[in-house]
Protein backbone atom coordinates (compact mmCIF):
# COMPACT_ATOMS: atom_id res chain seq x y z
CA UNK A 1 5.22 -13.49 -29.70
CA UNK A 2 5.52 -10.01 -29.21
CA UNK A 3 5.86 -9.14 -25.25
CA UNK A 4 3.10 -6.76 -24.16
CA UNK A 5 5.04 -5.10 -21.24
CA UNK A 6 9.03 -4.24 -20.95
CA UNK A 7 8.93 -5.29 -17.45
CA UNK A 8 10.54 -7.61 -15.26
CA UNK A 9 8.25 -9.57 -12.83
CA UNK A 10 8.20 -12.07 -9.98
CA UNK A 11 5.17 -13.96 -8.76
CA UNK A 12 5.77 -15.02 -5.79
CA UNK A 13 3.14 -17.99 -4.25
CA UNK A 14 3.36 -18.79 -0.21
CA UNK A 15 2.95 -22.20 -0.38
CA UNK A 16 1.13 -24.27 2.38
CA UNK A 17 -0.10 -28.35 1.99
CA UNK A 18 -1.10 -27.53 -1.96
CA UNK A 19 1.00 -30.33 -3.55
CA UNK A 20 -2.22 -30.82 -5.84
CA UNK A 21 -2.61 -27.42 -6.58
CA UNK A 22 0.52 -25.93 -7.86
CA UNK A 23 1.27 -28.13 -11.44
CA UNK A 24 -2.07 -26.54 -12.18
CA UNK A 25 -1.16 -23.05 -11.03
CA UNK A 26 2.37 -23.15 -12.69
CA UNK A 27 0.50 -24.51 -16.04
CA UNK A 28 -1.65 -21.33 -15.84
CA UNK A 29 1.03 -19.01 -15.03
CA UNK A 30 3.01 -20.06 -18.10
CA UNK A 31 0.85 -17.74 -20.68
CA UNK A 32 0.91 -15.10 -18.43
CA UNK A 33 4.61 -14.52 -17.99
CA UNK A 34 5.48 -14.68 -21.89
CA UNK A 35 3.66 -11.06 -21.77
CA UNK A 36 6.38 -9.65 -19.94
CA UNK A 37 10.16 -9.12 -20.75
CA UNK A 38 11.88 -10.93 -17.99
CA UNK A 39 9.84 -13.43 -15.63
CA UNK A 40 10.16 -15.78 -12.43
CA UNK A 41 7.82 -17.57 -10.10
CA UNK A 42 9.14 -17.88 -6.53
CA UNK A 43 7.30 -20.79 -4.47
CA UNK A 44 7.89 -20.07 -0.92
CA UNK A 45 7.55 -23.40 1.27
CA UNK A 46 6.05 -22.36 4.29
CA UNK A 47 6.50 -25.56 6.04
CA UNK A 48 4.07 -27.90 3.86
CA UNK A 49 2.97 -30.95 5.88
CA UNK A 50 2.42 -32.85 2.39
CA UNK A 51 4.89 -33.38 -0.43
CA UNK A 52 4.53 -29.60 -1.66
CA UNK A 53 8.27 -29.52 -1.28
CA UNK A 54 8.83 -32.40 -3.24
CA UNK A 55 6.45 -30.60 -5.81
CA UNK A 56 8.57 -27.18 -5.72
CA UNK A 57 11.56 -29.37 -6.68
CA UNK A 58 10.56 -31.38 -9.88
CA UNK A 59 9.34 -28.08 -11.02
CA UNK A 60 11.88 -25.97 -10.55
CA UNK A 61 14.41 -28.57 -12.24
CA UNK A 62 12.37 -28.75 -15.28
CA UNK A 63 11.22 -24.94 -15.41
CA UNK A 64 13.99 -22.41 -15.33
CA UNK A 65 12.23 -19.83 -14.21
CA UNK A 66 10.84 -21.27 -11.37
CA UNK A 67 12.34 -20.89 -8.31
CA UNK A 68 12.40 -22.90 -4.60
CA UNK A 69 12.41 -21.97 -1.17
CA UNK A 70 11.81 -24.42 1.92
CA UNK A 71 11.37 -22.67 5.06
CA UNK A 72 12.33 -24.41 8.69
CA UNK A 73 8.83 -24.32 9.69
CA UNK A 74 5.59 -22.64 9.40
CA UNK A 75 6.21 -19.18 9.96
CA UNK A 76 2.73 -18.00 8.25
CA UNK A 77 1.55 -16.39 4.95
CA UNK A 78 3.25 -12.74 5.11
CA UNK A 79 6.30 -14.31 6.96
CA UNK A 80 6.37 -16.61 3.59
CA UNK A 81 5.56 -13.68 1.17
CA UNK A 82 8.38 -11.24 2.87
CA UNK A 83 10.97 -13.92 2.14
CA UNK A 84 9.88 -14.23 -1.13
CA UNK A 85 10.12 -10.46 -1.75
CA UNK A 86 13.66 -10.13 -0.48
CA UNK A 87 14.85 -12.88 -3.25
CA UNK A 88 12.76 -11.34 -6.19
CA UNK A 89 14.76 -10.36 -8.87
CA UNK A 90 12.00 -8.65 -11.13
CA UNK A 91 11.64 -5.16 -11.04
CA UNK A 92 7.32 -5.43 -10.53
CA UNK A 93 6.46 -8.00 -7.95
CA UNK A 94 2.99 -9.82 -8.19
CA UNK A 95 1.90 -12.26 -5.06
CA UNK A 96 -0.89 -14.59 -4.93
CA UNK A 97 -2.40 -17.51 -3.08
CA UNK A 98 -1.52 -21.24 -4.27
CA UNK A 99 -5.30 -22.36 -4.12
CA UNK A 100 -6.28 -21.04 -7.49
CA UNK A 101 -8.74 -18.77 -6.45
CA UNK A 102 -7.64 -15.62 -7.76
CA UNK A 103 -6.99 -16.25 -11.67
CA UNK A 104 -3.73 -15.74 -12.54
CA UNK A 105 -4.72 -15.03 -16.08
CA UNK A 106 -5.76 -11.32 -14.47
CA UNK A 107 -1.84 -10.43 -13.30
CA UNK A 108 -1.85 -8.38 -16.30
CA UNK A 109 -4.97 -6.44 -15.67
CA UNK A 110 -3.36 -5.82 -12.20
CA UNK A 111 0.25 -4.29 -13.71
CA UNK A 112 -1.95 -2.21 -16.29
CA UNK A 113 -3.32 -0.28 -13.79
CA UNK A 114 0.38 0.09 -11.83
CA UNK A 115 1.53 1.60 -15.07
CA UNK A 116 -0.83 4.20 -15.00
CA UNK A 117 1.29 5.81 -11.85
CA UNK A 118 0.80 3.58 -8.72
CA UNK A 119 3.12 1.96 -6.65
CA UNK A 120 1.04 -1.05 -5.34
CA UNK A 121 -2.29 -2.49 -7.27
CA UNK A 122 -4.83 -4.88 -5.16
CA UNK A 123 -7.15 -7.35 -6.66
CA UNK A 124 -10.30 -7.10 -5.07
CA UNK A 125 -12.93 -9.79 -5.40
CA UNK A 126 -16.11 -9.28 -7.07
CA UNK A 127 -17.24 -11.99 -4.31
CA UNK A 128 -15.33 -13.25 -1.44
CA UNK A 129 -15.97 -17.21 -1.25
CA UNK A 130 -14.49 -17.18 2.57
CA UNK A 131 -16.63 -18.54 5.84
CA UNK A 132 -18.04 -16.07 8.59
CA UNK A 133 -14.81 -15.84 11.04
CA UNK A 134 -12.34 -15.31 7.74
CA UNK A 135 -14.55 -12.04 7.01
CA UNK A 136 -14.29 -11.09 10.51
CA UNK A 137 -10.46 -11.04 10.66
CA UNK A 138 -10.45 -9.58 7.22
CA UNK A 139 -12.90 -6.49 8.53
CA UNK A 140 -10.22 -6.01 11.69
CA UNK A 141 -7.38 -6.21 9.21
CA UNK A 142 -8.42 -3.52 7.02
CA UNK A 143 -9.92 -1.28 10.03
CA UNK A 144 -6.12 -1.47 11.55
CA UNK A 145 -4.99 -0.53 7.89
CA UNK A 146 -7.17 2.62 7.55
CA UNK A 147 -5.00 5.39 9.07
CA UNK A 148 -2.26 4.84 6.58
CA UNK A 149 -3.99 3.37 3.27
CA UNK A 150 -7.24 5.45 3.80
CA UNK A 151 -10.80 3.74 4.15
CA UNK A 152 -11.62 3.34 0.89
CA UNK A 153 -8.29 1.49 0.02
CA UNK A 154 -8.16 -0.71 2.73
CA UNK A 155 -11.56 -1.44 2.37
CA UNK A 156 -10.10 -3.41 -0.86
CA UNK A 157 -7.06 -4.99 0.38
CA UNK A 158 -6.36 -8.64 -0.71
CA UNK A 159 -3.21 -11.16 -0.91
CA UNK A 160 -3.62 -10.82 -4.56
CA UNK A 161 -1.44 -8.16 -5.62
CA UNK A 162 1.45 -6.15 -7.15
CA UNK A 163 3.84 -3.46 -6.53
CA UNK A 164 7.37 -1.83 -7.49
CA UNK A 165 10.12 -3.95 -6.36
CA UNK A 166 11.99 -0.76 -5.29
CA UNK A 167 9.37 -0.43 -2.20
CA UNK A 168 11.04 -3.32 -0.37
CA UNK A 169 14.09 -0.91 0.63
CA UNK A 170 11.66 0.95 2.89
CA UNK A 171 11.34 -2.39 5.04
CA UNK A 172 14.63 -4.22 3.89
CA UNK A 173 15.97 -3.45 7.98
CA UNK A 174 13.13 -4.62 9.44
CA UNK A 175 13.33 -7.67 11.79
CA UNK A 176 10.78 -9.38 13.86
CA UNK A 177 8.07 -12.27 14.04
CA UNK A 178 5.19 -10.51 13.64
CA UNK A 179 4.80 -9.11 9.54
CA UNK A 180 2.15 -7.91 7.68
CA UNK A 181 3.37 -6.96 4.07
CA UNK A 182 0.43 -4.88 3.66
CA UNK A 183 1.52 -2.80 6.41
CA UNK A 184 5.03 -2.88 5.60
CA UNK A 185 3.86 -1.51 2.24
CA UNK A 186 2.61 1.59 3.78
CA UNK A 187 6.10 2.67 5.04
CA UNK A 188 7.16 3.20 1.32
CA UNK A 189 4.00 4.49 -0.59
CA UNK A 190 0.68 6.07 -0.28
CA UNK A 191 -0.26 5.54 -3.53
CA UNK A 192 -2.37 2.85 -3.57
CA UNK A 193 -5.24 1.58 -5.98
CA UNK A 194 -7.55 -1.77 -6.52
CA UNK A 195 -9.21 -3.31 -9.72
CA UNK A 196 -12.19 -5.80 -9.38
CA UNK A 197 -11.13 -9.46 -10.60
CA UNK A 198 -12.72 -12.64 -10.09
CA UNK A 199 -12.86 -15.23 -7.03
CA UNK A 200 -13.22 -18.78 -7.74
CA UNK A 201 -13.97 -21.65 -5.23
CA UNK A 202 -10.98 -23.45 -4.10
CA UNK A 203 -9.95 -25.98 -6.22
CA UNK A 204 -8.51 -28.79 -3.67
CA UNK A 205 -7.43 -29.47 -0.24
CA UNK A 206 -8.78 -26.88 2.62
CA UNK A 207 -7.79 -23.21 3.74
CA UNK A 208 -4.62 -23.09 5.93
CA UNK A 209 -6.35 -19.97 8.16
CA UNK A 210 -7.97 -22.31 11.04
CA UNK A 211 -9.90 -19.82 13.41
CA UNK A 212 -6.71 -19.75 15.85
CA UNK A 213 -4.70 -18.42 13.50
CA UNK A 214 -7.49 -16.08 12.23
CA UNK A 215 -7.76 -14.60 15.53
CA UNK A 216 -3.75 -14.46 16.30
CA UNK A 217 -3.68 -12.37 12.61
CA UNK A 218 -6.23 -9.62 13.62
CA UNK A 219 -4.57 -9.77 17.36
CA UNK A 220 -0.99 -9.24 15.78
CA UNK A 221 -2.34 -6.32 13.18
CA UNK A 222 -4.41 -4.91 16.17
CA UNK A 223 -1.42 -4.24 18.28
CA UNK A 224 1.58 -4.92 16.24
CA UNK A 225 0.91 -2.14 13.86
CA UNK A 226 -1.67 0.21 15.73
CA UNK A 227 -2.10 1.95 18.20
CA UNK A 228 -5.96 1.79 18.21
CA UNK A 229 -6.34 -0.57 20.60
CA UNK A 230 -4.23 1.97 23.19
CA UNK A 231 -6.77 4.68 22.00
CA UNK A 232 -9.52 2.75 22.53
CA UNK A 233 -8.50 1.41 26.36
CA UNK A 234 -8.36 4.91 27.09
CA UNK A 235 -11.61 5.74 25.50
CA UNK A 236 -13.12 3.09 27.88
CA UNK A 237 -11.11 4.42 30.77
CA UNK A 238 -12.29 7.56 30.12
CA UNK A 239 -15.77 6.67 29.62
CA UNK A 240 -15.87 5.12 33.06
CA UNK A 241 -14.39 7.88 34.65
CA UNK A 242 -16.77 10.40 33.87
CA UNK A 243 -19.61 7.50 34.78
CA UNK A 244 -17.81 7.25 38.19
CA UNK A 245 -17.87 10.80 38.68
CA UNK A 246 -21.92 10.95 37.65
CA UNK A 247 -22.57 8.32 40.57
CA UNK A 248 -20.32 10.30 43.40
CA UNK A 249 -22.39 13.34 41.94
CA UNK A 250 -26.11 11.51 42.74
CA UNK A 251 -24.66 10.45 46.14
CA UNK A 252 -23.72 13.79 47.04
CA UNK A 253 -27.29 14.97 45.46
CA UNK A 254 -28.93 12.38 47.13
CA UNK A 255 -27.67 13.18 50.60
CA UNK A 256 -28.05 16.85 50.76
CA UNK A 257 -31.52 16.78 49.41
CA UNK A 258 -32.70 13.87 51.66
CA UNK A 259 -30.33 13.46 54.04
CA UNK A 260 -29.70 10.03 53.29
CA UNK A 261 -27.15 8.12 51.18
CA UNK A 262 -28.12 5.45 48.03
CA UNK A 263 -28.98 2.24 50.03
CA UNK A 264 -27.78 -1.03 48.45
CA UNK A 265 -24.50 -3.41 48.52
CA UNK A 266 -25.39 -4.05 45.40
CA UNK A 267 -25.00 -0.99 43.68
CA UNK A 268 -21.58 -0.61 45.08
CA UNK A 269 -20.42 -3.78 43.96
CA UNK A 270 -21.60 -3.06 40.66
CA UNK A 271 -19.22 -0.18 40.81
CA UNK A 272 -16.33 -2.04 41.79
CA UNK A 273 -16.48 -4.53 39.19
CA UNK A 274 -17.15 -1.83 36.24
CA UNK A 275 -13.85 0.00 37.68
CA UNK A 276 -11.99 -3.45 38.20
CA UNK A 277 -13.08 -4.92 34.58
CA UNK A 278 -11.85 -1.57 32.92
CA UNK A 279 -9.17 -1.27 34.99
CA UNK A 280 -8.20 -4.88 33.76
CA UNK A 281 -8.51 -4.27 30.16
CA UNK A 282 -6.50 -1.52 29.78
CA UNK A 283 -3.71 -3.29 31.40
CA UNK A 284 -4.42 -6.12 28.99
CA UNK A 285 -3.79 -4.18 26.09
CA UNK A 286 -0.71 -2.33 27.41
CA UNK A 287 0.38 -6.04 28.24
CA UNK A 288 -0.08 -6.85 24.73
CA UNK A 289 1.98 -4.16 23.46
CA UNK A 290 4.95 -4.70 25.98
CA UNK A 291 4.75 -8.57 24.41
CA UNK A 292 5.38 -7.49 21.13
CA UNK A 293 8.45 -4.88 22.46
CA UNK A 294 9.85 -8.26 24.45
CA UNK A 295 9.92 -10.39 21.04
CA UNK A 296 11.37 -7.22 18.98
CA UNK A 297 14.23 -7.33 21.91
CA UNK A 298 14.83 -10.55 21.48
CA UNK A 299 15.89 -10.21 17.56
CA UNK A 300 13.50 -12.81 16.69
CA UNK A 301 13.93 -13.57 12.61
CA UNK A 302 10.62 -13.12 10.51
CA UNK A 303 11.64 -16.28 8.70
CA UNK A 304 14.71 -18.75 8.42
CA UNK A 305 15.27 -20.72 5.35
CA UNK A 306 16.12 -24.57 4.83
CA UNK A 307 17.10 -25.13 1.24
CA UNK A 308 16.74 -23.53 -1.28
CA UNK A 309 16.67 -24.76 -5.20
CA UNK A 310 18.94 -22.49 -6.42
CA UNK A 311 22.35 -20.81 -5.32
CA UNK A 312 22.21 -17.75 -3.63
């Protein structure tokens, strides 16, 4: 069979509690990989609680193009992707989830767009099949990315993406527990594109993204890779300063015209509560940034590897 692409590709799959879907994913990837000069699949087990690692080991022993990495514990999707990206050997990297919601058969569609001269191409779902909370977290993530990627491209970001492996040089020295692959890619390029792809219902199990994880990821995105919260705190502080100045003008004007001050303890108590709340909000935002600095100075790694199915 004549290969369609002369490039080599590394398909990276973050694995979490997906022992039931992994064999089907690899089976559907096989005909796709034949279209490339050389290909590999890197399965990064992110601290699964089921038998996912045993499935990865069996697949790696049976198929020479499958490589498995077992992390010490659950670090998160983006951290496990970073591990796989740093281990990739292909000239092009494709990332895809383990739940088969994004069809592997559409990887060549993203590659074809990439070869038009782009560095990163996202597979944007025609219709997302996520819950309300997941959609809210996704919107926060995309809002954070707008400054670096542009509003139009940021709105099409997804976990189904392809990009040139050379981009990882821009974040080769990155160390820290808070990882966002999409932000790290903006450190290397501004040449992004997106194509529409199908989005199927989850084949088995349920998403590892709980409400707590979604909120945590959204907060990490907002405070770890963006100054938007600090800007928001500044705007709120400035707005309440203007409000306080207006209240002062009201009190002075009333005194000069009517000879009396503004009566009522409730009025003063409300002003104090409003300003105290604004100050505490601003302090909380600054505290979040200080905590990020604290964790960075600890030099905490984004992941640690327990075992591999290959010799590094």
